[in-house]
Amino acid sequence: MRLKSIRLVLGTWILVACTCQAANWPQWRGPFFDGSTTEKNLPSQWSTEEGVAWKTPLPGFAGSTPVIWNDDVFVTSPDSSKNLNLLCLSAKDGKIKWQKEIAVGDRNEGRNNMSSPSAATDGKKVIAMFGTGDLVAYSVGGKELWALNLARKYGRFSIMWLYGSTPLLMDNKLYVQVLENNDPSGYPHAVDDKPTRQSYILCLEAETGKEIWRHIRQTDAIVEAQESYSSPVPLKVGNDLQLVVIGGDYATGHDFRDGRELWRQGGLNERHEKFWRLVPSPTPGDGVIFVAAPRKDPVLAIKPGSGGSSAELLWKFKEFPSDCPTPLYYQHQLFVLDGDKYMMTCLDPKTGGKKWQGEMGIREIFRSSPTGADGKIYCVSEKGTVVVLEAGPEFKILATIKHNDEPVRGSIAVANGHLFIRGGKNLWCIGPK
């Protein structure tokens, strides 16, 4: 078992290293799972006319982020007929290489629709998840590899604002998180012949879709607080790798081999509120996991448990916490965006001490998460305004660019010297032609 664990760790981090060298963005938080990349020579200023490599209309809007591998850009999208689609575009010119209709039945709840999860790719295949429960894998050339529907097998997703978690594709395995309300009767979109639900983490063979394990994740959270829109991330702990999941009032670490829970840390919902939806994903950094609790609750730094030890709460940040954006870990600093109060804070990740703080310069709500690259931080508001900050020792706005292409809820992806921004109507590629 120990040998298998070491192989898993080494194989995973070799994959991550190769991803970075190829300058790809394989899943929604990038090659390091923390919102950053090592890409250089990226633009800090452009307009809707100058500095745009290409702009391609999309079938509809969604909160999913584009993922990129070499010349392939993958994005999920609904269309006007309520079909749910997976598209592959050329990173060079934005032309659509192929488009597949995966399912029918898009719907909107609040700011979400059935295409909120982002795709994930390893350069050989691309996997996409939709709020209908449809989970599919295609070759990068557009050949279907397998398809299944989790909602039919385990029950329609019992989540108030629809399913929004992105699967984790790693080491040729797929990890799917479904944290939901155990009573679906209050959600018309969730009602079926299964009277109750159980939150779970699912591991599948990425080549075939065959189930490897399914772990039931217990919680004492109540009503909406049982649910989560966050996505699972890997965290290197010593010589091992853990799967970290947040939601249901807790952060938990899991064994990649069988899903068993290794540790559990509370403090995410200290008031034990009923209506407490969790949107940000956990952010890994130097063996610590950073968790942004919603609704003005604090950002937490958690040292995970290992070898049978318990997790440890290192510090809390309460001043301008994040409600929706996932924190960015970049250049050994933690950046927390309060999207409702337009405030960015740079923290020392070891102590939680504030290095600097500043207003974003525009009074527009930010739902998407910040991206770190080339010494800069890229943020995009819900109205489509990009704010570029310097990731330096003090707060500095480098540029503000209005795209006027709303709503924008996906994060900015970076690959091959370009920025990829999903607008309400278009996918933008920023950089040289």
Protein backbone atom coordinates (compact mmCIF):
# COMPACT_ATOMS: atom_id res chain seq x y z
CA MET A 1 0.00 0.00 0.00
CA ARG A 2 2.83 2.34 0.83
CA LEU A 3 4.48 1.73 -2.56
CA LYS A 4 1.21 2.46 -4.36
CA SER A 5 0.88 5.70 -2.38
CA ILE A 6 4.36 6.85 -3.36
CA ARG A 7 3.71 6.01 -7.00
CA LEU A 8 0.49 7.98 -6.88
CA VAL A 9 2.25 11.01 -5.45
CA LEU A 10 5.15 10.88 -7.88
CA GLY A 11 2.91 10.24 -10.88
CA THR A 12 0.66 13.13 -9.95
CA TRP A 13 3.42 15.65 -9.48
CA ILE A 14 5.21 14.55 -12.65
CA LEU A 15 1.93 15.20 -14.46
CA VAL A 16 1.68 18.64 -12.86
CA ALA A 17 5.26 19.48 -13.83
CA CYS A 18 4.67 18.43 -17.43
CA THR A 19 1.50 20.47 -17.53
CA CYS A 20 3.38 23.58 -16.43
CA GLN A 21 6.18 23.08 -18.94
CA ALA A 22 3.60 22.78 -21.72
CA ALA A 23 2.00 26.05 -20.53
CA ASN A 24 -1.45 24.52 -20.36
CA TRP A 25 -4.47 25.26 -18.18
CA PRO A 26 -6.02 21.79 -17.72
CA GLN A 27 -8.70 22.50 -15.11
CA TRP A 28 -10.50 25.50 -13.72
CA ARG A 29 -7.87 26.58 -11.15
CA GLY A 30 -4.93 25.93 -13.43
CA PRO A 31 -1.90 23.60 -13.36
CA PHE A 32 -1.19 24.03 -9.64
CA PHE A 33 -4.87 23.92 -8.54
CA ASP A 34 -4.38 27.32 -6.83
CA GLY A 35 -5.27 29.81 -9.59
CA SER A 36 -1.69 30.46 -10.74
CA THR A 37 0.66 29.56 -13.57
CA THR A 38 4.33 30.12 -14.45
CA GLU A 39 3.44 31.74 -17.79
CA LYS A 40 5.39 34.89 -18.72
CA ASN A 41 5.16 37.83 -21.14
CA LEU A 42 1.44 38.33 -20.68
CA PRO A 43 -0.41 41.55 -21.51
CA SER A 44 -1.29 44.05 -18.82
CA GLN A 45 -3.20 46.42 -21.12
CA TRP A 46 -5.55 45.95 -24.08
CA SER A 47 -8.95 47.05 -25.35
CA THR A 48 -11.85 45.40 -27.11
CA GLU A 49 -10.19 46.35 -30.40
CA GLU A 50 -6.45 46.29 -29.69
CA GLY A 51 -4.57 43.32 -28.29
CA VAL A 52 -7.32 40.79 -29.01
CA ALA A 53 -6.08 37.67 -30.81
CA TRP A 54 -9.62 36.50 -31.52
CA LYS A 55 -13.20 36.56 -30.24
CA THR A 56 -15.64 33.71 -30.86
CA PRO A 57 -19.39 33.75 -30.11
CA LEU A 58 -20.57 31.00 -27.76
CA PRO A 59 -24.01 29.33 -27.79
CA GLY A 60 -24.91 30.74 -24.36
CA PHE A 61 -23.59 32.05 -21.05
CA ALA A 62 -22.35 29.94 -18.13
CA GLY A 63 -20.08 30.15 -15.12
CA SER A 64 -17.65 27.55 -16.43
CA THR A 65 -14.03 28.49 -17.14
CA PRO A 66 -12.30 27.46 -20.40
CA VAL A 67 -9.55 24.84 -20.12
CA ILE A 68 -6.65 24.69 -22.57
CA TRP A 69 -4.17 22.09 -23.74
CA ASN A 70 -1.84 23.11 -26.58
CA ASP A 71 -4.13 24.18 -29.47
CA ASP A 72 -7.34 22.88 -27.91
CA VAL A 73 -9.70 25.06 -25.85
CA PHE A 74 -12.61 23.27 -24.20
CA VAL A 75 -15.70 24.97 -22.83
CA THR A 76 -19.16 23.85 -21.71
CA SER A 77 -22.20 25.87 -22.75
CA PRO A 78 -25.99 25.79 -23.00
CA ASP A 79 -27.70 27.01 -26.16
CA SER A 80 -30.98 28.74 -26.94
CA SER A 81 -32.76 25.36 -27.27
CA LYS A 82 -31.69 24.40 -23.73
CA ASN A 83 -29.22 21.84 -25.03
CA LEU A 84 -26.02 21.32 -23.06
CA ASN A 85 -22.88 21.33 -25.16
CA LEU A 86 -19.17 20.60 -25.02
CA LEU A 87 -17.12 22.64 -27.50
CA CYS A 88 -13.53 22.41 -28.70
CA LEU A 89 -12.03 25.56 -30.23
CA SER A 90 -8.65 26.27 -31.75
CA ALA A 91 -6.43 28.28 -29.43
CA LYS A 92 -4.75 29.81 -32.50
CA ASP A 93 -7.75 31.38 -34.22
CA GLY A 94 -10.86 30.57 -32.14
CA LYS A 95 -12.49 28.44 -34.81
CA ILE A 96 -14.78 25.72 -33.48
CA LYS A 97 -13.17 22.35 -34.15
CA TRP A 98 -16.13 20.33 -32.90
CA GLN A 99 -19.28 20.73 -30.82
CA LYS A 100 -21.16 17.91 -29.08
CA GLU A 101 -24.68 18.03 -27.69
CA ILE A 102 -24.40 16.14 -24.42
CA ALA A 103 -27.85 16.52 -22.89
CA VAL A 104 -31.12 18.43 -23.05
CA GLY A 105 -32.65 20.36 -20.18
CA ASP A 106 -30.79 23.52 -19.29
CA ARG A 107 -32.39 25.62 -16.56
CA ASN A 108 -31.44 28.65 -14.48
CA GLU A 109 -31.52 29.11 -10.72
CA GLY A 110 -30.10 32.38 -9.43
CA ARG A 111 -26.75 32.87 -11.17
CA ASN A 112 -26.26 29.21 -12.05
CA ASN A 113 -27.33 27.08 -14.98
CA MET A 114 -26.66 23.47 -15.91
CA SER A 115 -23.28 24.33 -17.49
CA SER A 116 -21.62 25.80 -14.41
CA PRO A 117 -18.93 23.09 -13.96
CA SER A 118 -15.78 23.53 -16.03
CA ALA A 119 -14.32 20.77 -18.17
CA ALA A 120 -11.02 19.03 -17.35
CA THR A 121 -8.39 17.65 -19.73
CA ASP A 122 -5.09 15.79 -19.71
CA GLY A 123 -4.28 16.43 -23.37
CA LYS A 124 -5.63 13.05 -24.48
CA LYS A 125 -9.20 13.26 -23.31
CA VAL A 126 -11.59 15.90 -22.03
CA ILE A 127 -14.22 15.25 -19.38
CA ALA A 128 -17.27 17.41 -18.75
CA MET A 129 -19.95 17.43 -16.08
CA PHE A 130 -23.38 19.07 -16.22
CA GLY A 131 -26.04 19.91 -13.64
CA THR A 132 -28.33 17.28 -15.16
CA GLY A 133 -25.94 14.64 -13.82
CA ASP A 134 -24.55 13.89 -17.27
CA LEU A 135 -20.84 13.08 -17.12
CA VAL A 136 -18.99 12.42 -20.40
CA ALA A 137 -15.51 11.78 -21.72
CA TYR A 138 -14.31 12.54 -25.24
CA SER A 139 -11.00 12.21 -26.98
CA VAL A 140 -9.48 15.58 -27.82
CA GLY A 141 -10.39 14.78 -31.43
CA GLY A 142 -14.09 14.60 -30.56
CA LYS A 143 -14.72 10.84 -30.24
CA GLU A 144 -17.00 9.81 -27.37
CA LEU A 145 -15.21 7.50 -24.93
CA TRP A 146 -17.97 6.98 -22.38
CA ALA A 147 -21.03 8.62 -20.84
CA LEU A 148 -23.07 8.13 -17.69
CA ASN A 149 -25.68 9.97 -15.65
CA LEU A 150 -25.09 10.25 -11.91
CA ALA A 151 -28.55 11.68 -11.27
CA ARG A 152 -30.27 8.57 -12.59
CA LYS A 153 -28.03 6.31 -10.50
CA TYR A 154 -27.90 8.19 -7.20
CA GLY A 155 -30.76 10.71 -7.45
CA ARG A 156 -31.13 14.15 -9.03
CA PHE A 157 -28.80 16.67 -7.48
CA SER A 158 -30.50 18.18 -4.42
CA ILE A 159 -28.79 21.57 -4.50
CA MET A 160 -30.72 24.83 -4.27
CA TRP A 161 -28.89 26.82 -6.97
CA LEU A 162 -28.03 23.78 -9.17
CA TYR A 163 -24.86 21.73 -9.31
CA GLY A 164 -21.64 23.71 -9.78
CA SER A 165 -18.64 21.53 -8.80
CA THR A 166 -15.91 20.74 -11.33
CA PRO A 167 -14.51 17.18 -11.38
CA LEU A 168 -10.81 16.63 -10.69
CA LEU A 169 -8.95 14.71 -13.42
CA MET A 170 -5.64 13.38 -12.17
CA ASP A 171 -3.44 10.33 -12.62
CA ASN A 172 -5.98 8.90 -15.10
CA LYS A 173 -8.69 8.93 -12.46
CA LEU A 174 -11.68 11.23 -12.07
CA TYR A 175 -12.90 12.53 -8.71
CA VAL A 176 -16.43 13.90 -8.51
CA GLN A 177 -17.83 15.71 -5.48
CA VAL A 178 -21.58 15.79 -4.81
CA LEU A 179 -22.41 17.57 -1.55
CA GLU A 180 -26.16 18.00 -1.41
CA ASN A 181 -29.24 18.34 0.78
CA ASN A 182 -30.43 15.01 2.19
CA ASP A 183 -34.07 16.06 1.68
CA PRO A 184 -34.81 16.84 -2.00
CA SER A 185 -38.54 17.49 -1.49
CA GLY A 186 -38.10 21.26 -1.31
CA TYR A 187 -36.36 21.51 -4.69
CA PRO A 188 -38.64 20.87 -7.71
CA HIS A 189 -35.61 20.22 -9.94
CA ALA A 190 -34.43 17.45 -7.57
CA VAL A 191 -37.64 15.51 -6.94
CA ASP A 192 -37.62 11.92 -8.25
CA ASP A 193 -38.39 8.42 -6.94
CA LYS A 194 -35.50 8.55 -4.45
CA PRO A 195 -36.81 10.17 -1.23
CA THR A 196 -33.45 10.95 0.39
CA ARG A 197 -29.89 11.80 -0.62
CA GLN A 198 -26.40 11.15 0.68
CA SER A 199 -23.48 13.47 -0.04
CA TYR A 200 -20.60 11.57 -1.60
CA ILE A 201 -17.24 11.62 -3.33
CA LEU A 202 -16.91 9.38 -6.37
CA CYS A 203 -13.74 8.02 -8.02
CA LEU A 204 -13.94 6.69 -11.58
CA GLU A 205 -11.54 5.27 -14.12
CA ALA A 206 -11.01 8.19 -16.48
CA GLU A 207 -10.59 5.88 -19.50
CA THR A 208 -13.82 3.94 -19.03
CA GLY A 209 -16.04 5.69 -16.46
CA LYS A 210 -15.99 2.53 -14.31
CA GLU A 211 -16.50 3.18 -10.60
CA ILE A 212 -13.46 2.57 -8.37
CA TRP A 213 -14.94 3.75 -5.08
CA ARG A 214 -17.72 5.88 -3.64
CA HIS A 215 -17.34 7.45 -0.21
CA ILE A 216 -20.38 8.72 1.71
CA ARG A 217 -19.43 12.02 3.35
CA GLN A 218 -21.25 12.54 6.63
CA THR A 219 -22.16 15.91 8.13
CA ASP A 220 -24.26 17.39 10.91
CA ALA A 221 -24.94 20.53 8.85
CA ILE A 222 -28.57 21.43 8.30
CA VAL A 223 -30.74 22.53 5.34
CA GLU A 224 -28.79 24.47 2.65
CA ALA A 225 -25.55 24.33 4.63
CA GLN A 226 -25.25 20.65 3.65
CA GLU A 227 -24.67 21.73 0.05
CA SER A 228 -21.55 22.98 -1.72
CA TYR A 229 -20.59 24.41 -5.11
CA SER A 230 -16.86 24.03 -4.44
CA SER A 231 -14.54 21.62 -6.26
CA PRO A 232 -12.12 19.04 -4.83
CA VAL A 233 -8.35 19.69 -4.95
CA PRO A 234 -5.23 17.63 -4.24
CA LEU A 235 -2.87 18.61 -1.44
CA LYS A 236 0.64 17.27 -0.93
CA VAL A 237 1.13 16.42 2.76
CA GLY A 238 4.64 15.16 3.49
CA ASN A 239 5.23 12.25 1.11
CA ASP A 240 1.55 11.62 0.54
CA LEU A 241 -1.22 13.21 -1.45
CA GLN A 242 -4.67 13.93 -0.04
CA LEU A 243 -7.97 14.87 -1.64
CA VAL A 244 -9.45 17.93 0.08
CA VAL A 245 -13.18 18.65 0.03
CA ILE A 246 -15.10 21.49 1.69
CA GLY A 247 -18.81 21.83 2.40
CA GLY A 248 -21.40 20.71 4.92
CA ASP A 249 -19.72 23.00 7.50
CA TYR A 250 -16.39 21.12 7.32
CA ALA A 251 -13.14 20.73 5.46
CA THR A 252 -12.07 17.10 5.10
CA GLY A 253 -9.02 15.28 3.79
CA HIS A 254 -9.41 11.92 2.05
CA ASP A 255 -7.21 9.04 0.96
CA PHE A 256 -6.98 8.96 -2.84
CA ARG A 257 -6.97 5.15 -2.83
CA ASP A 258 -10.35 4.52 -1.23
CA GLY A 259 -11.86 7.89 -0.25
CA ARG A 260 -11.71 7.24 3.48
CA GLU A 261 -11.65 10.34 5.63
CA LEU A 262 -8.24 11.16 7.14
CA TRP A 263 -9.14 14.33 9.05
CA ARG A 264 -11.95 16.82 9.55
CA GLN A 265 -11.82 20.50 10.52
CA GLY A 266 -14.83 22.59 11.52
CA GLY A 267 -15.16 26.33 12.03
CA LEU A 268 -16.58 27.08 8.59
CA ASN A 269 -20.08 27.80 9.89
CA GLU A 270 -19.64 28.74 13.53
CA ARG A 271 -23.21 30.05 13.86
CA HIS A 272 -24.61 26.79 12.45
CA GLU A 273 -26.76 28.70 9.98
CA LYS A 274 -29.35 26.97 7.82
CA PHE A 275 -29.02 29.05 4.67
CA TRP A 276 -25.28 29.05 4.18
CA ARG A 277 -24.22 28.05 0.66
CA LEU A 278 -20.51 27.46 0.07
CA VAL A 279 -19.13 28.59 -3.31
CA PRO A 280 -15.30 29.00 -3.13
CA SER A 281 -13.11 25.95 -3.54
CA PRO A 282 -10.21 25.11 -1.22
CA THR A 283 -6.85 26.59 -2.19
CA PRO A 284 -3.67 24.54 -1.59
CA GLY A 285 -0.33 26.15 -0.76
CA ASP A 286 2.87 24.81 0.79
CA GLY A 287 1.14 21.97 2.63
CA VAL A 288 -1.66 24.17 3.98
CA ILE A 289 -5.25 24.41 2.77
CA PHE A 290 -7.00 27.80 2.65
CA VAL A 291 -10.79 27.88 2.89
CA ALA A 292 -13.03 30.89 2.29
CA ALA A 293 -16.30 30.56 4.17
CA PRO A 294 -19.28 32.51 2.74
CA ARG A 295 -21.61 35.22 4.04
CA LYS A 296 -18.95 37.28 5.83
CA ASP A 297 -17.53 34.29 7.68
CA PRO A 298 -13.73 34.20 7.78
CA VAL A 299 -11.02 32.74 5.59
CA LEU A 300 -9.38 29.82 7.40
CA ALA A 301 -5.87 28.38 7.12
CA ILE A 302 -5.83 24.67 7.97
CA LYS A 303 -2.84 22.44 8.49
CA PRO A 304 -4.07 19.00 7.44
CA GLY A 305 -3.79 15.92 9.58
CA SER A 306 -1.47 13.10 8.55
CA GLY A 307 -0.46 9.75 9.93
CA GLY A 308 -3.50 9.66 12.20
CA SER A 309 -3.06 13.20 13.53
CA SER A 310 -5.86 15.76 13.59
CA ALA A 311 -6.02 18.87 11.46
CA GLU A 312 -5.05 22.20 13.01
CA LEU A 313 -6.64 25.60 12.51
CA LEU A 314 -3.71 27.99 12.02
CA TRP A 315 -5.41 31.38 11.65
CA LYS A 316 -8.55 33.25 10.56
CA PHE A 317 -8.97 36.36 8.42
CA LYS A 318 -12.24 38.23 9.06
CA GLU A 319 -11.77 41.78 7.73
CA PHE A 320 -12.72 41.43 4.04
CA PRO A 321 -13.38 37.71 3.47
CA SER A 322 -14.53 36.18 0.21
CA ASP A 323 -18.12 35.11 -0.42
CA CYS A 324 -17.81 33.70 -3.97
CA PRO A 325 -14.25 34.05 -5.38
CA THR A 326 -11.79 31.29 -4.52
CA PRO A 327 -8.57 32.73 -2.98
CA LEU A 328 -5.42 32.79 -5.10
CA TYR A 329 -2.12 31.35 -3.85
CA TYR A 330 0.68 32.92 -5.91
CA GLN A 331 4.36 33.63 -5.29
CA HIS A 332 4.03 32.40 -1.69
CA GLN A 333 1.29 34.93 -0.97
CA LEU A 334 -2.45 34.51 -0.48
CA PHE A 335 -4.79 36.91 -2.26
CA VAL A 336 -8.38 37.18 -1.02
CA LEU A 337 -10.96 39.06 -3.11
CA ASP A 338 -14.07 40.38 -1.39
CA GLY A 339 -16.16 40.58 -4.55
CA ASP A 340 -19.09 42.36 -2.90
CA LYS A 341 -16.98 45.19 -1.46
CA TYR A 342 -14.47 45.32 -4.34
CA MET A 343 -11.52 44.79 -1.98
CA MET A 344 -8.36 42.75 -2.55
CA THR A 345 -6.17 41.73 0.38
CA CYS A 346 -2.69 40.20 0.25
CA LEU A 347 -1.97 37.96 3.25
CA ASP A 348 1.07 36.21 4.62
CA PRO A 349 -0.08 32.57 4.25
CA LYS A 350 1.97 31.46 7.26
CA THR A 351 0.51 33.90 9.77
CA GLY A 352 -2.56 35.46 8.16
CA GLY A 353 -0.96 38.86 8.60
CA LYS A 354 -2.06 41.57 6.18
CA LYS A 355 0.62 42.72 3.73
CA TRP A 356 -1.57 45.14 1.81
CA GLN A 357 -5.17 45.89 0.94
CA GLY A 358 -6.85 48.03 -1.71
CA GLU A 359 -10.11 48.78 -3.51
CA MET A 360 -10.41 47.46 -7.05
CA GLY A 361 -11.20 50.88 -8.53
CA ILE A 362 -14.64 49.92 -9.86
CA ARG A 363 -17.92 49.39 -8.05
CA GLU A 364 -18.84 46.18 -9.82
CA ILE A 365 -19.49 42.80 -8.20
CA PHE A 366 -16.83 40.10 -8.69
CA ARG A 367 -18.05 36.49 -8.78
CA SER A 368 -15.10 34.92 -10.60
CA SER A 369 -11.82 34.03 -8.92
CA PRO A 370 -8.49 35.88 -9.34
CA THR A 371 -5.74 34.44 -11.54
CA GLY A 372 -2.01 34.88 -10.88
CA ALA A 373 0.52 34.97 -13.73
CA ASP A 374 3.61 36.90 -14.87
CA GLY A 375 3.79 38.93 -11.67
CA LYS A 376 0.21 40.09 -12.14
CA ILE A 377 -3.26 39.29 -10.79
CA TYR A 378 -6.10 39.19 -13.29
CA CYS A 379 -9.65 39.73 -12.04
CA VAL A 380 -12.87 40.10 -14.01
CA SER A 381 -16.13 41.52 -12.71
CA GLU A 382 -19.59 40.17 -13.39
CA LYS A 383 -20.09 43.03 -15.89
CA GLY A 384 -16.98 41.98 -17.82
CA THR A 385 -14.48 44.59 -16.58
CA VAL A 386 -10.96 43.21 -16.16
CA VAL A 387 -8.80 44.70 -13.41
CA VAL A 388 -5.09 43.91 -13.59
CA LEU A 389 -3.14 44.23 -10.33
CA GLU A 390 0.56 44.01 -9.62
CA ALA A 391 1.41 41.00 -7.45
CA GLY A 392 4.09 43.00 -5.66
CA PRO A 393 4.89 44.34 -2.21
CA GLU A 394 2.14 46.98 -2.38
CA PHE A 395 -1.31 47.39 -3.89
CA LYS A 396 -1.16 48.75 -7.44
CA ILE A 397 -3.72 48.74 -10.26
CA LEU A 398 -2.00 48.33 -13.62
CA ALA A 399 -5.04 48.53 -15.89
CA THR A 400 -8.84 48.48 -16.08
CA ILE A 401 -10.37 47.15 -19.30
CA LYS A 402 -14.11 47.13 -20.00
CA HIS A 403 -15.27 44.23 -22.21
CA ASN A 404 -19.01 45.01 -21.84
CA ASP A 405 -19.79 41.33 -22.33
CA GLU A 406 -21.82 40.25 -19.31
CA PRO A 407 -22.54 38.19 -17.30
CA VAL A 408 -19.04 36.91 -16.45
CA ARG A 409 -18.71 34.33 -13.70
CA GLY A 410 -15.93 32.10 -14.99
CA SER A 411 -12.32 32.84 -14.11
CA ILE A 412 -9.57 33.97 -16.50
CA ALA A 413 -7.48 31.09 -17.84
CA VAL A 414 -3.88 31.51 -19.03
CA ALA A 415 -2.01 29.39 -21.59
CA ASN A 416 0.65 29.81 -24.27
CA GLY A 417 1.12 33.56 -23.76
CA HIS A 418 -2.58 34.39 -23.90
CA LEU A 419 -5.50 35.12 -21.59
CA PHE A 420 -8.82 33.34 -22.17
CA ILE A 421 -11.90 35.17 -20.88
CA ARG A 422 -15.40 33.79 -21.08
CA GLY A 423 -17.89 36.62 -21.54
CA GLY A 424 -21.65 36.41 -21.56
CA LYS A 425 -21.71 36.09 -25.34
CA ASN A 426 -18.12 35.47 -26.46
CA LEU A 427 -14.92 33.65 -25.65
CA TRP A 428 -12.05 36.16 -25.81
CA CYS A 429 -8.39 35.36 -26.43
CA ILE A 430 -6.15 38.24 -25.36
CA GLY A 431 -2.59 38.47 -26.65
CA PRO A 432 -0.68 38.52 -29.93
CA LYS A 433 -2.31 37.18 -33.10
